[in-house]
């Protein structure tokens, strides 16, 4: 009789997990699944006088973007179009997501909504959100009655 050591991570379970990860990362996902998860990545940096928002939106033009401010909610909305098929060409791999996206951020009351600036260069949307000047403390004089 031969004794065989049972090593679950080197047998059936390892194969199952390997297949699961291979299917997840290498599968041809349905286009609707890819579009559902498409959302530009952002960095938000707060300084003393302003808040800056940087959104990575490569492959788009500024006409495809819409920025709104309503009830202290800043919304960035846009649509990235898929690459058009050309005559005689065949798409082999398509991993870049496309479709409509919306990112929303609730702003503090310390933001001056009238002074917000937006620029778009090299696939990066930059928003400058200036802070309102805080009320400065003042001394109140007491008058004689």
N, C-alpha and C. Protein backbone atom coordinates (compact mmCIF):
# COMPACT_ATOMS: atom_id res chain seq x y z
N UNK A 1 0.85 -1.18 0.00
CA UNK A 1 0.00 0.00 0.00
C UNK A 1 0.89 1.24 0.00
N UNK A 2 0.55 2.19 -0.88
CA UNK A 2 1.31 3.42 -0.98
C UNK A 2 0.55 4.53 -0.23
N UNK A 3 1.26 5.26 0.57
CA UNK A 3 0.67 6.35 1.34
C UNK A 3 0.83 7.65 0.54
N UNK A 4 -0.27 8.37 0.29
CA UNK A 4 -0.23 9.62 -0.46
C UNK A 4 -0.67 10.74 0.47
N UNK A 5 0.16 11.74 0.60
CA UNK A 5 -0.17 12.89 1.44
C UNK A 5 -1.21 13.76 0.75
N UNK A 6 -2.25 14.11 1.49
CA UNK A 6 -3.32 14.94 0.93
C UNK A 6 -2.91 16.40 1.02
N UNK A 7 -2.85 17.07 -0.09
CA UNK A 7 -2.47 18.48 -0.15
C UNK A 7 -3.54 19.21 -0.96
N UNK A 8 -4.59 19.73 -0.28
CA UNK A 8 -5.73 20.31 -0.99
C UNK A 8 -5.37 21.47 -1.89
N UNK A 9 -4.40 22.30 -1.49
CA UNK A 9 -4.06 23.45 -2.32
C UNK A 9 -3.29 23.05 -3.57
N UNK A 10 -2.87 21.82 -3.65
CA UNK A 10 -2.14 21.37 -4.83
C UNK A 10 -2.99 20.43 -5.67
N UNK A 11 -4.24 20.34 -5.36
CA UNK A 11 -5.06 19.39 -6.09
C UNK A 11 -6.30 20.07 -6.65
N UNK A 12 -7.41 19.46 -6.39
CA UNK A 12 -8.69 19.88 -6.96
C UNK A 12 -9.02 21.34 -6.65
N UNK A 13 -8.82 21.78 -5.41
CA UNK A 13 -9.17 23.15 -5.04
C UNK A 13 -8.30 24.17 -5.76
N UNK A 14 -7.04 23.87 -5.87
CA UNK A 14 -6.15 24.77 -6.58
C UNK A 14 -6.59 24.92 -8.03
N UNK A 15 -6.98 23.80 -8.64
CA UNK A 15 -7.46 23.84 -10.02
C UNK A 15 -8.74 24.67 -10.13
N UNK A 16 -9.64 24.51 -9.17
CA UNK A 16 -10.90 25.27 -9.21
C UNK A 16 -10.65 26.77 -9.06
N UNK A 17 -9.80 27.15 -8.09
CA UNK A 17 -9.50 28.57 -7.91
C UNK A 17 -8.77 29.13 -9.12
N UNK A 18 -7.86 28.35 -9.66
CA UNK A 18 -7.14 28.80 -10.85
C UNK A 18 -8.08 29.06 -12.01
N UNK A 19 -9.02 28.14 -12.23
CA UNK A 19 -9.99 28.33 -13.30
C UNK A 19 -10.87 29.55 -13.04
N UNK A 20 -11.28 29.73 -11.78
CA UNK A 20 -12.13 30.86 -11.45
C UNK A 20 -11.43 32.19 -11.78
N UNK A 21 -10.16 32.32 -11.37
CA UNK A 21 -9.44 33.56 -11.64
C UNK A 21 -9.16 33.73 -13.13
N UNK A 22 -8.82 32.65 -13.80
CA UNK A 22 -8.59 32.73 -15.25
C UNK A 22 -9.85 33.18 -15.98
N UNK A 23 -10.99 32.63 -15.59
CA UNK A 23 -12.24 33.01 -16.24
C UNK A 23 -12.58 34.46 -15.96
N UNK A 24 -12.32 34.91 -14.72
CA UNK A 24 -12.66 36.28 -14.37
C UNK A 24 -11.78 37.28 -15.11
N UNK A 25 -10.46 37.07 -15.10
CA UNK A 25 -9.55 38.04 -15.68
C UNK A 25 -9.35 37.90 -17.18
N UNK A 26 -9.63 36.74 -17.73
CA UNK A 26 -9.36 36.53 -19.15
C UNK A 26 -10.61 36.30 -19.99
N UNK A 27 -11.76 36.45 -19.37
CA UNK A 27 -12.98 36.18 -20.13
C UNK A 27 -13.33 37.37 -21.02
N UNK A 28 -14.12 37.10 -22.01
CA UNK A 28 -14.68 38.17 -22.84
C UNK A 28 -15.97 38.60 -22.19
N UNK A 29 -15.88 39.60 -21.31
CA UNK A 29 -17.06 40.04 -20.59
C UNK A 29 -18.08 40.63 -21.54
N UNK A 30 -19.32 40.45 -21.18
CA UNK A 30 -20.40 41.04 -21.92
C UNK A 30 -20.21 42.56 -21.93
N UNK A 31 -20.48 43.19 -23.05
CA UNK A 31 -20.27 44.63 -23.19
C UNK A 31 -21.04 45.43 -22.14
N UNK A 32 -22.23 44.98 -21.78
CA UNK A 32 -23.01 45.72 -20.80
C UNK A 32 -22.34 45.69 -19.43
N UNK A 33 -21.62 44.61 -19.10
CA UNK A 33 -20.92 44.54 -17.82
C UNK A 33 -19.77 45.53 -17.82
N UNK A 34 -19.02 45.61 -18.90
CA UNK A 34 -17.90 46.55 -18.98
C UNK A 34 -18.42 47.97 -18.87
N UNK A 35 -19.50 48.29 -19.56
CA UNK A 35 -20.03 49.65 -19.52
C UNK A 35 -20.55 50.03 -18.14
N UNK A 36 -21.07 49.07 -17.40
CA UNK A 36 -21.60 49.36 -16.07
C UNK A 36 -20.49 49.78 -15.11
N UNK A 37 -19.30 49.28 -15.29
CA UNK A 37 -18.23 49.57 -14.36
C UNK A 37 -17.35 50.74 -14.82
N UNK A 38 -17.64 51.32 -15.94
CA UNK A 38 -16.83 52.42 -16.47
C UNK A 38 -17.09 53.67 -15.65
N UNK A 39 -16.05 54.17 -15.06
CA UNK A 39 -16.11 55.39 -14.27
C UNK A 39 -14.71 55.96 -14.21
N UNK A 40 -14.55 57.24 -14.54
CA UNK A 40 -13.20 57.80 -14.51
C UNK A 40 -12.66 57.87 -13.08
N UNK A 41 -11.38 57.67 -12.94
CA UNK A 41 -10.72 57.76 -11.64
C UNK A 41 -10.41 59.22 -11.35
N UNK A 42 -10.51 59.60 -10.08
CA UNK A 42 -10.28 61.00 -9.71
C UNK A 42 -9.30 61.09 -8.54
N UNK A 43 -8.64 62.23 -8.46
CA UNK A 43 -7.86 62.64 -7.30
C UNK A 43 -8.50 63.93 -6.81
N UNK A 44 -8.69 64.06 -5.51
CA UNK A 44 -9.24 65.28 -4.93
C UNK A 44 -8.24 65.76 -3.89
N UNK A 45 -7.78 66.99 -4.07
CA UNK A 45 -6.74 67.55 -3.20
C UNK A 45 -7.26 68.86 -2.63
N UNK A 46 -7.21 68.97 -1.30
CA UNK A 46 -7.67 70.20 -0.65
C UNK A 46 -6.47 71.00 -0.18
N UNK A 47 -6.45 72.25 -0.60
CA UNK A 47 -5.42 73.18 -0.15
C UNK A 47 -6.04 74.22 0.76
N UNK A 48 -5.26 75.20 1.12
CA UNK A 48 -5.75 76.25 2.01
C UNK A 48 -6.83 77.11 1.36
N UNK A 49 -6.67 77.39 0.06
CA UNK A 49 -7.59 78.31 -0.62
C UNK A 49 -8.52 77.65 -1.62
N UNK A 50 -8.29 76.37 -1.93
CA UNK A 50 -9.08 75.73 -2.98
C UNK A 50 -9.07 74.22 -2.83
N UNK A 51 -10.00 73.59 -3.54
CA UNK A 51 -10.04 72.14 -3.70
C UNK A 51 -9.85 71.88 -5.19
N UNK A 52 -8.95 70.95 -5.52
CA UNK A 52 -8.71 70.60 -6.92
C UNK A 52 -9.17 69.18 -7.16
N UNK A 53 -9.86 68.98 -8.28
CA UNK A 53 -10.31 67.66 -8.69
C UNK A 53 -9.67 67.34 -10.03
N UNK A 54 -9.01 66.20 -10.11
CA UNK A 54 -8.40 65.73 -11.35
C UNK A 54 -9.11 64.43 -11.74
N UNK A 55 -9.66 64.39 -12.94
CA UNK A 55 -10.34 63.19 -13.42
C UNK A 55 -9.65 62.70 -14.69
N UNK A 56 -9.26 61.42 -14.70
CA UNK A 56 -8.64 60.82 -15.89
C UNK A 56 -9.73 60.38 -16.85
N UNK A 57 -9.78 61.03 -18.00
CA UNK A 57 -10.79 60.71 -19.01
C UNK A 57 -10.13 60.67 -20.38
N UNK A 58 -9.24 59.69 -20.59
CA UNK A 58 -8.54 59.64 -21.88
C UNK A 58 -9.47 59.26 -23.03
N UNK A 59 -9.11 59.72 -24.19
CA UNK A 59 -9.86 59.36 -25.39
C UNK A 59 -11.15 60.14 -25.57
N UNK A 60 -11.33 61.20 -24.81
CA UNK A 60 -12.54 62.00 -24.95
C UNK A 60 -12.17 63.43 -25.32
N UNK A 61 -13.16 64.15 -25.76
CA UNK A 61 -13.00 65.58 -26.04
C UNK A 61 -13.93 66.35 -25.11
N UNK A 62 -13.63 67.62 -24.90
CA UNK A 62 -14.40 68.39 -23.92
C UNK A 62 -15.88 68.51 -24.29
N UNK A 63 -16.20 68.39 -25.57
CA UNK A 63 -17.60 68.46 -25.99
C UNK A 63 -18.41 67.26 -25.52
N UNK A 64 -17.73 66.17 -25.17
CA UNK A 64 -18.41 64.96 -24.68
C UNK A 64 -18.63 64.99 -23.16
N UNK A 65 -18.21 66.08 -22.51
CA UNK A 65 -18.32 66.19 -21.05
C UNK A 65 -19.33 67.25 -20.65
N UNK A 66 -19.97 67.03 -19.51
CA UNK A 66 -20.92 67.99 -18.96
C UNK A 66 -20.66 68.09 -17.46
N UNK A 67 -20.47 69.30 -16.97
CA UNK A 67 -20.22 69.53 -15.55
C UNK A 67 -21.34 70.42 -15.03
N UNK A 68 -22.02 69.97 -13.96
CA UNK A 68 -23.10 70.75 -13.38
C UNK A 68 -22.94 70.84 -11.87
N UNK A 69 -23.54 71.87 -11.31
CA UNK A 69 -23.57 72.04 -9.87
C UNK A 69 -25.02 72.33 -9.48
N UNK A 70 -25.60 71.46 -8.67
CA UNK A 70 -26.98 71.64 -8.24
C UNK A 70 -27.13 71.14 -6.81
N UNK A 71 -27.65 71.99 -5.93
CA UNK A 71 -27.85 71.65 -4.52
C UNK A 71 -26.57 71.12 -3.86
N UNK A 72 -25.47 71.81 -4.08
CA UNK A 72 -24.15 71.47 -3.52
C UNK A 72 -23.60 70.13 -4.01
N UNK A 73 -24.12 69.61 -5.11
CA UNK A 73 -23.62 68.36 -5.70
C UNK A 73 -22.99 68.68 -7.05
N UNK A 74 -21.69 68.42 -7.16
CA UNK A 74 -20.95 68.61 -8.40
C UNK A 74 -21.03 67.31 -9.19
N UNK A 75 -21.50 67.38 -10.43
CA UNK A 75 -21.64 66.19 -11.27
C UNK A 75 -20.77 66.32 -12.51
N UNK A 76 -20.04 65.27 -12.80
CA UNK A 76 -19.26 65.17 -14.05
C UNK A 76 -19.88 64.02 -14.83
N UNK A 77 -20.42 64.34 -16.01
CA UNK A 77 -21.11 63.35 -16.83
C UNK A 77 -20.50 63.37 -18.23
N UNK A 78 -20.44 62.22 -18.86
CA UNK A 78 -19.94 62.16 -20.22
C UNK A 78 -20.21 60.82 -20.85
N UNK A 79 -19.86 60.74 -22.13
CA UNK A 79 -20.02 59.50 -22.87
C UNK A 79 -18.76 59.26 -23.69
N UNK A 80 -18.12 58.12 -23.45
CA UNK A 80 -16.97 57.74 -24.26
C UNK A 80 -17.47 56.79 -25.33
N UNK A 81 -17.20 57.14 -26.58
CA UNK A 81 -17.68 56.36 -27.71
C UNK A 81 -16.72 55.21 -28.02
N UNK A 82 -17.27 54.08 -28.47
CA UNK A 82 -16.38 52.97 -28.87
C UNK A 82 -15.65 53.31 -30.16
N UNK A 83 -14.57 52.61 -30.40
CA UNK A 83 -13.81 52.79 -31.65
C UNK A 83 -14.66 52.29 -32.80
N UNK A 84 -14.74 53.08 -33.83
CA UNK A 84 -15.51 52.72 -35.02
C UNK A 84 -14.79 51.63 -35.80
N UNK A 85 -15.54 50.64 -36.27
CA UNK A 85 -14.96 49.62 -37.14
C UNK A 85 -14.70 50.23 -38.51
N UNK A 86 -13.56 49.89 -39.07
CA UNK A 86 -13.21 50.36 -40.41
C UNK A 86 -13.37 49.21 -41.39
N UNK A 87 -13.62 49.56 -42.61
CA UNK A 87 -13.79 48.58 -43.67
C UNK A 87 -12.54 47.71 -43.79
N UNK A 88 -12.72 46.41 -43.76
CA UNK A 88 -11.62 45.47 -43.93
C UNK A 88 -10.83 45.19 -42.66
N UNK A 89 -11.23 45.75 -41.52
CA UNK A 89 -10.52 45.50 -40.27
C UNK A 89 -11.39 44.66 -39.33
N UNK A 90 -10.72 43.94 -38.45
CA UNK A 90 -11.42 43.09 -37.50
C UNK A 90 -10.87 43.36 -36.10
N UNK A 91 -11.76 43.62 -35.14
CA UNK A 91 -11.36 43.86 -33.76
C UNK A 91 -10.98 42.52 -33.13
N UNK A 92 -9.77 42.44 -32.59
CA UNK A 92 -9.33 41.22 -31.93
C UNK A 92 -9.50 41.30 -30.42
N UNK A 93 -9.19 42.45 -29.85
CA UNK A 93 -9.31 42.64 -28.40
C UNK A 93 -9.90 44.02 -28.16
N UNK A 94 -10.88 44.08 -27.27
CA UNK A 94 -11.48 45.35 -26.90
C UNK A 94 -11.66 45.36 -25.38
N UNK A 95 -10.72 46.01 -24.68
CA UNK A 95 -10.74 46.04 -23.22
C UNK A 95 -11.10 47.41 -22.66
N UNK A 96 -10.99 48.45 -23.46
CA UNK A 96 -11.27 49.79 -22.96
C UNK A 96 -12.77 49.99 -22.87
N UNK A 97 -13.22 50.39 -21.71
CA UNK A 97 -14.65 50.58 -21.49
C UNK A 97 -15.14 51.82 -22.22
N UNK A 98 -16.39 51.79 -22.59
CA UNK A 98 -17.01 52.94 -23.22
C UNK A 98 -18.46 53.03 -22.74
N UNK A 99 -19.08 54.12 -23.06
CA UNK A 99 -20.45 54.32 -22.64
C UNK A 99 -20.56 55.55 -21.75
N UNK A 100 -21.73 55.71 -21.16
CA UNK A 100 -22.02 56.88 -20.33
C UNK A 100 -21.51 56.65 -18.91
N UNK A 101 -21.04 57.73 -18.28
CA UNK A 101 -20.62 57.69 -16.89
C UNK A 101 -21.08 58.95 -16.18
N UNK A 102 -21.18 58.87 -14.87
CA UNK A 102 -21.48 60.03 -14.03
C UNK A 102 -20.72 59.87 -12.73
N UNK A 103 -20.02 60.92 -12.32
CA UNK A 103 -19.39 60.98 -11.00
C UNK A 103 -20.00 62.17 -10.28
N UNK A 104 -20.39 61.96 -9.02
CA UNK A 104 -21.00 63.03 -8.22
C UNK A 104 -20.23 63.21 -6.92
N UNK A 105 -20.08 64.48 -6.52
CA UNK A 105 -19.37 64.82 -5.30
C UNK A 105 -20.17 65.88 -4.55
N UNK A 106 -20.39 65.63 -3.27
CA UNK A 106 -21.10 66.61 -2.45
C UNK A 106 -20.08 67.63 -1.97
N UNK A 107 -20.36 68.91 -2.24
CA UNK A 107 -19.44 69.97 -1.87
C UNK A 107 -19.79 70.55 -0.52
N UNK A 108 -18.78 70.97 0.18
CA UNK A 108 -19.01 71.66 1.44
C UNK A 108 -19.49 73.07 1.16
N UNK A 109 -20.10 73.68 2.17
CA UNK A 109 -20.56 75.05 1.99
C UNK A 109 -19.41 76.03 1.88
N UNK A 110 -18.19 75.57 2.12
CA UNK A 110 -17.04 76.47 2.05
C UNK A 110 -16.54 76.68 0.62
N UNK A 111 -17.23 76.12 -0.37
CA UNK A 111 -16.83 76.27 -1.78
C UNK A 111 -17.59 77.44 -2.41
N UNK A 112 -16.84 78.28 -3.12
CA UNK A 112 -17.44 79.40 -3.85
C UNK A 112 -17.92 78.87 -5.21
N UNK A 113 -19.21 78.59 -5.31
CA UNK A 113 -19.77 77.98 -6.53
C UNK A 113 -19.58 78.86 -7.75
N UNK A 114 -19.59 80.16 -7.58
CA UNK A 114 -19.45 81.08 -8.72
C UNK A 114 -18.04 81.09 -9.29
N UNK A 115 -17.05 80.68 -8.51
CA UNK A 115 -15.67 80.76 -8.96
C UNK A 115 -15.08 79.46 -9.49
N UNK A 116 -15.89 78.42 -9.66
CA UNK A 116 -15.38 77.12 -10.14
C UNK A 116 -14.87 77.24 -11.57
N UNK A 117 -13.68 76.71 -11.79
CA UNK A 117 -13.07 76.71 -13.13
C UNK A 117 -12.80 75.29 -13.58
N UNK A 118 -12.93 75.04 -14.88
CA UNK A 118 -12.68 73.71 -15.43
C UNK A 118 -11.78 73.82 -16.66
N UNK A 119 -10.83 72.89 -16.78
CA UNK A 119 -9.99 72.81 -17.97
C UNK A 119 -9.80 71.34 -18.32
N UNK A 120 -9.50 71.08 -19.59
CA UNK A 120 -9.33 69.71 -20.07
C UNK A 120 -8.14 69.66 -20.99
N UNK A 121 -7.11 68.90 -20.59
CA UNK A 121 -5.90 68.80 -21.40
C UNK A 121 -5.30 67.41 -21.25
N UNK A 122 -4.89 66.82 -22.37
CA UNK A 122 -4.21 65.52 -22.38
C UNK A 122 -4.99 64.44 -21.64
N UNK A 123 -6.32 64.45 -21.77
CA UNK A 123 -7.15 63.42 -21.18
C UNK A 123 -7.41 63.58 -19.69
N UNK A 124 -7.03 64.73 -19.12
CA UNK A 124 -7.25 64.98 -17.70
C UNK A 124 -8.14 66.21 -17.55
N UNK A 125 -9.28 66.02 -16.89
CA UNK A 125 -10.18 67.12 -16.55
C UNK A 125 -9.73 67.67 -15.20
N UNK A 126 -9.51 68.99 -15.14
CA UNK A 126 -9.08 69.63 -13.90
C UNK A 126 -10.14 70.64 -13.48
N UNK A 127 -10.61 70.50 -12.25
CA UNK A 127 -11.58 71.45 -11.70
C UNK A 127 -10.93 72.16 -10.52
N UNK A 128 -11.03 73.47 -10.50
CA UNK A 128 -10.54 74.27 -9.39
C UNK A 128 -11.77 74.82 -8.67
N UNK A 129 -11.90 74.45 -7.40
CA UNK A 129 -13.04 74.85 -6.59
C UNK A 129 -12.55 75.78 -5.49
N UNK A 130 -12.65 77.11 -5.69
CA UNK A 130 -12.14 78.03 -4.68
C UNK A 130 -13.00 78.02 -3.42
N UNK A 131 -12.34 78.17 -2.29
CA UNK A 131 -13.07 78.25 -1.03
C UNK A 131 -13.53 79.69 -0.80
N UNK A 132 -14.64 79.83 -0.10
CA UNK A 132 -15.11 81.18 0.25
C UNK A 132 -14.23 81.69 1.37
N UNK A 133 -14.09 83.00 1.41
CA UNK A 133 -13.30 83.59 2.48
C UNK A 133 -14.09 83.45 3.78
N UNK A 134 -13.47 82.85 4.73
CA UNK A 134 -14.16 82.61 6.00
C UNK A 134 -14.43 83.94 6.70
N UNK A 135 -15.50 83.95 7.44
CA UNK A 135 -15.83 85.15 8.20
C UNK A 135 -14.73 85.42 9.22
N UNK A 136 -14.19 86.60 9.15
CA UNK A 136 -13.10 86.95 10.05
C UNK A 136 -13.67 87.40 11.39
N UNK A 137 -13.04 87.00 12.47
CA UNK A 137 -13.54 87.45 13.76
C UNK A 137 -13.37 88.96 13.90
N UNK A 138 -14.31 89.56 14.55
CA UNK A 138 -14.21 91.00 14.76
C UNK A 138 -14.63 91.33 16.18
N UNK A 139 -14.10 92.40 16.65
CA UNK A 139 -14.42 92.85 18.00
C UNK A 139 -15.67 93.71 17.94
N UNK A 140 -16.57 93.46 18.83
CA UNK A 140 -17.81 94.23 18.88
C UNK A 140 -17.72 95.20 20.05
N UNK A 141 -17.84 96.45 19.72
CA UNK A 141 -17.77 97.51 20.73
C UNK A 141 -19.09 97.65 21.43
N UNK A 142 -19.03 97.88 22.72
CA UNK A 142 -20.23 98.08 23.52
C UNK A 142 -20.43 99.59 23.68
N UNK A 143 -21.59 100.04 23.30
CA UNK A 143 -21.85 101.47 23.42
C UNK A 143 -22.45 101.77 24.79
N UNK A 144 -22.24 103.01 25.25
CA UNK A 144 -22.79 103.42 26.55
C UNK A 144 -24.26 103.70 26.39
N UNK A 145 -25.04 103.31 27.38
CA UNK A 145 -26.48 103.50 27.32
C UNK A 145 -26.92 104.87 27.72
